[in-house]
N, C-alpha and C. Protein backbone atom coordinates (compact mmCIF):
# COMPACT_ATOMS: atom_id res chain seq x y z
N MET A 1 0.82 -1.20 0.00
CA MET A 1 0.00 0.00 0.00
C MET A 1 0.86 1.26 0.00
N VAL A 2 1.99 1.21 0.72
CA VAL A 2 2.88 2.38 0.77
C VAL A 2 3.47 2.64 -0.60
N LYS A 3 3.84 1.57 -1.30
CA LYS A 3 4.41 1.72 -2.63
C LYS A 3 3.36 2.31 -3.58
N ARG A 4 2.15 1.85 -3.49
CA ARG A 4 1.07 2.35 -4.32
C ARG A 4 0.81 3.84 -4.04
N ALA A 5 0.87 4.21 -2.77
CA ALA A 5 0.67 5.62 -2.39
C ALA A 5 1.80 6.49 -2.91
N THR A 6 3.03 6.01 -2.81
CA THR A 6 4.18 6.78 -3.32
C THR A 6 4.07 6.99 -4.82
N GLU A 7 3.67 5.96 -5.54
CA GLU A 7 3.50 6.08 -6.99
C GLU A 7 2.37 7.05 -7.33
N SER A 8 1.32 7.03 -6.57
CA SER A 8 0.19 7.93 -6.80
C SER A 8 0.59 9.39 -6.56
N ILE A 9 1.42 9.62 -5.54
CA ILE A 9 1.91 10.98 -5.27
C ILE A 9 2.79 11.45 -6.42
N ALA A 10 3.65 10.58 -6.90
CA ALA A 10 4.55 10.93 -8.00
C ALA A 10 3.79 11.22 -9.29
N ALA A 11 2.64 10.56 -9.46
CA ALA A 11 1.85 10.75 -10.67
C ALA A 11 1.24 12.15 -10.72
N GLY A 12 0.97 12.73 -9.54
CA GLY A 12 0.47 14.10 -9.53
C GLY A 12 -1.03 14.24 -9.36
N ASP A 13 -1.76 13.15 -9.27
CA ASP A 13 -3.21 13.23 -9.05
C ASP A 13 -3.44 13.22 -7.54
N PHE A 14 -3.57 14.41 -6.94
CA PHE A 14 -3.55 14.52 -5.49
C PHE A 14 -4.86 14.11 -4.84
N GLU A 15 -5.96 14.17 -5.56
CA GLU A 15 -7.22 13.70 -4.99
C GLU A 15 -7.19 12.18 -4.84
N ALA A 16 -6.71 11.51 -5.86
CA ALA A 16 -6.59 10.05 -5.79
C ALA A 16 -5.50 9.67 -4.79
N ALA A 17 -4.42 10.44 -4.76
CA ALA A 17 -3.32 10.16 -3.84
C ALA A 17 -3.78 10.29 -2.40
N ARG A 18 -4.65 11.24 -2.12
CA ARG A 18 -5.15 11.43 -0.75
C ARG A 18 -5.86 10.17 -0.27
N LEU A 19 -6.66 9.58 -1.13
CA LEU A 19 -7.38 8.36 -0.76
C LEU A 19 -6.44 7.18 -0.57
N VAL A 20 -5.47 7.05 -1.45
CA VAL A 20 -4.53 5.94 -1.36
C VAL A 20 -3.63 6.09 -0.14
N VAL A 21 -3.23 7.32 0.16
CA VAL A 21 -2.40 7.57 1.35
C VAL A 21 -3.18 7.23 2.61
N ARG A 22 -4.44 7.60 2.64
CA ARG A 22 -5.28 7.28 3.80
C ARG A 22 -5.38 5.78 4.00
N ASP A 23 -5.54 5.02 2.91
CA ASP A 23 -5.60 3.56 3.00
C ASP A 23 -4.26 2.99 3.47
N ALA A 24 -3.16 3.57 3.00
CA ALA A 24 -1.84 3.09 3.40
C ALA A 24 -1.60 3.33 4.89
N LEU A 25 -2.03 4.48 5.40
CA LEU A 25 -1.89 4.77 6.82
C LEU A 25 -2.69 3.78 7.66
N SER A 26 -3.88 3.48 7.20
CA SER A 26 -4.72 2.52 7.90
C SER A 26 -4.09 1.13 7.91
N THR A 27 -3.51 0.74 6.79
CA THR A 27 -2.86 -0.56 6.68
C THR A 27 -1.65 -0.64 7.60
N LEU A 28 -0.87 0.43 7.68
CA LEU A 28 0.28 0.44 8.57
C LEU A 28 -0.15 0.36 10.03
N ASP A 29 -1.21 1.06 10.39
CA ASP A 29 -1.73 0.98 11.76
C ASP A 29 -2.18 -0.44 12.10
N ARG A 30 -2.86 -1.05 11.16
CA ARG A 30 -3.36 -2.41 11.37
C ARG A 30 -2.21 -3.39 11.53
N ALA A 31 -1.17 -3.24 10.70
CA ALA A 31 0.00 -4.13 10.79
C ALA A 31 0.71 -3.96 12.12
N ALA A 32 0.80 -2.74 12.62
CA ALA A 32 1.45 -2.50 13.90
C ALA A 32 0.61 -3.07 15.04
N ARG A 33 -0.69 -2.93 14.95
CA ARG A 33 -1.58 -3.43 16.01
C ARG A 33 -1.51 -4.95 16.11
N LYS A 34 -1.38 -5.63 14.96
CA LYS A 34 -1.35 -7.09 14.96
C LYS A 34 0.06 -7.64 15.22
N GLY A 35 1.05 -6.76 15.27
CA GLY A 35 2.41 -7.22 15.57
C GLY A 35 3.22 -7.62 14.36
N VAL A 36 2.74 -7.33 13.17
CA VAL A 36 3.49 -7.66 11.95
C VAL A 36 4.73 -6.80 11.86
N ILE A 37 4.60 -5.53 12.18
CA ILE A 37 5.75 -4.62 12.24
C ILE A 37 5.71 -3.90 13.59
N HIS A 38 6.84 -3.38 13.98
CA HIS A 38 6.95 -2.66 15.25
C HIS A 38 6.19 -1.34 15.14
N PRO A 39 5.55 -0.89 16.21
CA PRO A 39 4.81 0.38 16.16
C PRO A 39 5.66 1.58 15.75
N ASN A 40 6.92 1.60 16.18
CA ASN A 40 7.80 2.71 15.77
C ASN A 40 8.08 2.66 14.27
N ASN A 41 8.19 1.46 13.72
CA ASN A 41 8.41 1.29 12.29
C ASN A 41 7.20 1.83 11.52
N ALA A 42 6.00 1.52 12.00
CA ALA A 42 4.78 2.02 11.36
C ALA A 42 4.73 3.53 11.43
N ALA A 43 5.07 4.09 12.59
CA ALA A 43 5.04 5.54 12.76
C ALA A 43 6.04 6.22 11.83
N ARG A 44 7.22 5.63 11.70
CA ARG A 44 8.24 6.21 10.82
C ARG A 44 7.78 6.20 9.37
N ARG A 45 7.22 5.08 8.94
CA ARG A 45 6.74 4.98 7.55
C ARG A 45 5.59 5.95 7.28
N LYS A 46 4.68 6.08 8.24
CA LYS A 46 3.57 7.01 8.09
C LYS A 46 4.07 8.44 7.99
N SER A 47 5.04 8.77 8.83
CA SER A 47 5.59 10.12 8.82
C SER A 47 6.24 10.44 7.48
N ARG A 48 7.04 9.53 7.00
CA ARG A 48 7.72 9.75 5.72
C ARG A 48 6.73 9.87 4.57
N LEU A 49 5.69 9.05 4.60
CA LEU A 49 4.68 9.09 3.54
C LEU A 49 3.93 10.42 3.56
N LEU A 50 3.54 10.88 4.74
CA LEU A 50 2.83 12.15 4.84
C LEU A 50 3.72 13.33 4.47
N LEU A 51 5.01 13.25 4.78
CA LEU A 51 5.94 14.31 4.37
C LEU A 51 6.00 14.42 2.85
N LYS A 52 6.07 13.26 2.19
CA LYS A 52 6.10 13.27 0.71
C LYS A 52 4.81 13.86 0.15
N TYR A 53 3.67 13.42 0.70
CA TYR A 53 2.38 13.89 0.20
C TYR A 53 2.23 15.40 0.42
N ASN A 54 2.52 15.86 1.64
CA ASN A 54 2.36 17.28 1.95
C ASN A 54 3.32 18.15 1.14
N ALA A 55 4.53 17.68 0.90
CA ALA A 55 5.48 18.44 0.09
C ALA A 55 5.01 18.55 -1.35
N ALA A 56 4.45 17.47 -1.87
CA ALA A 56 3.96 17.49 -3.25
C ALA A 56 2.76 18.43 -3.39
N VAL A 57 1.87 18.41 -2.42
CA VAL A 57 0.69 19.29 -2.47
C VAL A 57 1.12 20.74 -2.30
N ALA A 58 2.06 21.00 -1.40
CA ALA A 58 2.52 22.37 -1.17
C ALA A 58 3.24 22.93 -2.39
N ALA A 59 3.95 22.08 -3.11
CA ALA A 59 4.66 22.53 -4.31
C ALA A 59 3.68 22.97 -5.39
N VAL A 60 2.55 22.32 -5.45
CA VAL A 60 1.54 22.68 -6.46
C VAL A 60 0.79 23.95 -6.04
N GLN A 61 0.52 24.09 -4.75
CA GLN A 61 -0.28 25.21 -4.28
C GLN A 61 0.51 26.50 -4.13
N ALA A 62 1.80 26.42 -3.88
CA ALA A 62 2.61 27.61 -3.63
C ALA A 62 2.85 28.37 -4.94
N PRO A 63 2.67 29.70 -4.92
CA PRO A 63 2.97 30.47 -6.12
C PRO A 63 4.48 30.55 -6.33
N VAL A 64 4.85 30.63 -7.57
CA VAL A 64 6.27 30.70 -7.90
C VAL A 64 6.72 32.14 -7.70
N GLU A 65 7.72 32.33 -6.84
CA GLU A 65 8.23 33.67 -6.57
C GLU A 65 9.36 34.00 -7.53
N GLU A 66 9.39 35.28 -7.92
CA GLU A 66 10.46 35.72 -8.79
C GLU A 66 11.70 35.97 -7.95
N LYS A 67 12.85 35.65 -8.51
CA LYS A 67 14.08 35.91 -7.78
C LYS A 67 14.42 37.38 -7.90
N ARG A 68 14.69 37.99 -6.77
CA ARG A 68 15.04 39.40 -6.74
C ARG A 68 16.54 39.53 -6.55
N PRO A 69 17.14 40.55 -7.16
CA PRO A 69 18.57 40.73 -6.97
C PRO A 69 18.85 41.13 -5.52
N ALA A 70 19.96 40.68 -5.01
CA ALA A 70 20.32 40.98 -3.62
C ALA A 70 20.65 42.45 -3.48
N ARG A 71 20.32 43.00 -2.34
CA ARG A 71 20.62 44.40 -2.08
C ARG A 71 22.08 44.55 -1.72
N LYS A 72 22.75 45.44 -2.41
CA LYS A 72 24.16 45.66 -2.14
C LYS A 72 24.35 46.64 -0.99
N ALA A 73 23.46 47.60 -0.84
CA ALA A 73 23.60 48.62 0.19
C ALA A 73 23.49 48.01 1.59
N ALA A 74 22.62 47.03 1.74
CA ALA A 74 22.45 46.42 3.05
C ALA A 74 23.70 45.67 3.48
N ALA A 75 24.36 45.05 2.54
CA ALA A 75 25.57 44.31 2.87
C ALA A 75 26.69 45.26 3.26
N LYS A 76 26.77 46.42 2.62
CA LYS A 76 27.81 47.38 2.92
C LYS A 76 27.61 48.00 4.30
N SER A 77 26.37 48.32 4.66
CA SER A 77 26.12 48.98 5.94
C SER A 77 26.44 48.06 7.11
N LYS A 78 26.20 46.77 6.96
CA LYS A 78 26.52 45.84 8.04
C LYS A 78 28.02 45.70 8.21
N ALA A 79 28.76 45.70 7.12
CA ALA A 79 30.19 45.52 7.18
C ALA A 79 30.89 46.79 7.66
N ALA A 80 30.28 47.95 7.47
CA ALA A 80 30.92 49.22 7.81
C ALA A 80 30.84 49.54 9.29
N LYS A 81 29.97 48.89 10.05
CA LYS A 81 29.83 49.20 11.47
C LYS A 81 31.06 48.72 12.23
N PRO A 82 31.66 49.60 13.05
CA PRO A 82 32.81 49.17 13.84
C PRO A 82 32.34 48.33 15.03
N ALA A 83 33.24 47.53 15.53
CA ALA A 83 32.91 46.68 16.66
C ALA A 83 32.80 47.55 17.92
N ALA A 84 31.90 47.25 18.80
CA ALA A 84 31.71 48.02 20.02
C ALA A 84 32.87 47.76 20.98
N LYS A 85 33.34 48.83 21.63
CA LYS A 85 34.44 48.69 22.57
C LYS A 85 33.89 48.23 23.91
N LYS A 86 34.63 47.36 24.54
CA LYS A 86 34.24 46.91 25.87
C LYS A 86 34.87 47.85 26.89
N THR A 87 34.08 48.21 27.88
CA THR A 87 34.61 49.06 28.93
C THR A 87 35.30 48.16 29.95
N PRO A 88 36.44 48.62 30.50
CA PRO A 88 37.13 47.78 31.45
C PRO A 88 36.32 47.65 32.74
N ALA A 89 36.47 46.54 33.41
CA ALA A 89 35.74 46.30 34.65
C ALA A 89 36.27 47.23 35.72
N LYS A 90 35.38 47.65 36.61
CA LYS A 90 35.80 48.55 37.69
C LYS A 90 36.58 47.76 38.73
N LYS A 91 37.65 48.39 39.18
CA LYS A 91 38.46 47.74 40.22
C LYS A 91 37.90 48.16 41.58
N THR A 92 37.79 47.20 42.43
CA THR A 92 37.29 47.48 43.78
C THR A 92 38.47 47.49 44.75
N LYS A 93 38.38 48.33 45.74
CA LYS A 93 39.45 48.42 46.74
C LYS A 93 39.23 47.31 47.76
N SER A 94 40.29 46.65 48.06
CA SER A 94 40.21 45.62 49.09
C SER A 94 40.55 46.21 50.44
N LYS A 95 39.98 45.74 51.49
CA LYS A 95 40.21 46.29 52.84
C LYS A 95 41.40 45.70 53.50
């Protein structure tokens, strides 16, 4: 089921992928509950699968930003500032 979900995500049909991912998560939970795989193994696989799905959906939904040229003035002003001087510690008189 995980392989089928990964292929569905790669295909780009996110409505169908959502259903297949949901089935894969259910199958992993069931396998962990019955002792076929360790619960941590199921959790790790579910996490990785959801990361792939969410990244693919976010890539489609996010608008493409134009690259802006870096500001040269900002870089110069940061480099031109002198380092702050430390004031010496006050000496106390001993009795």
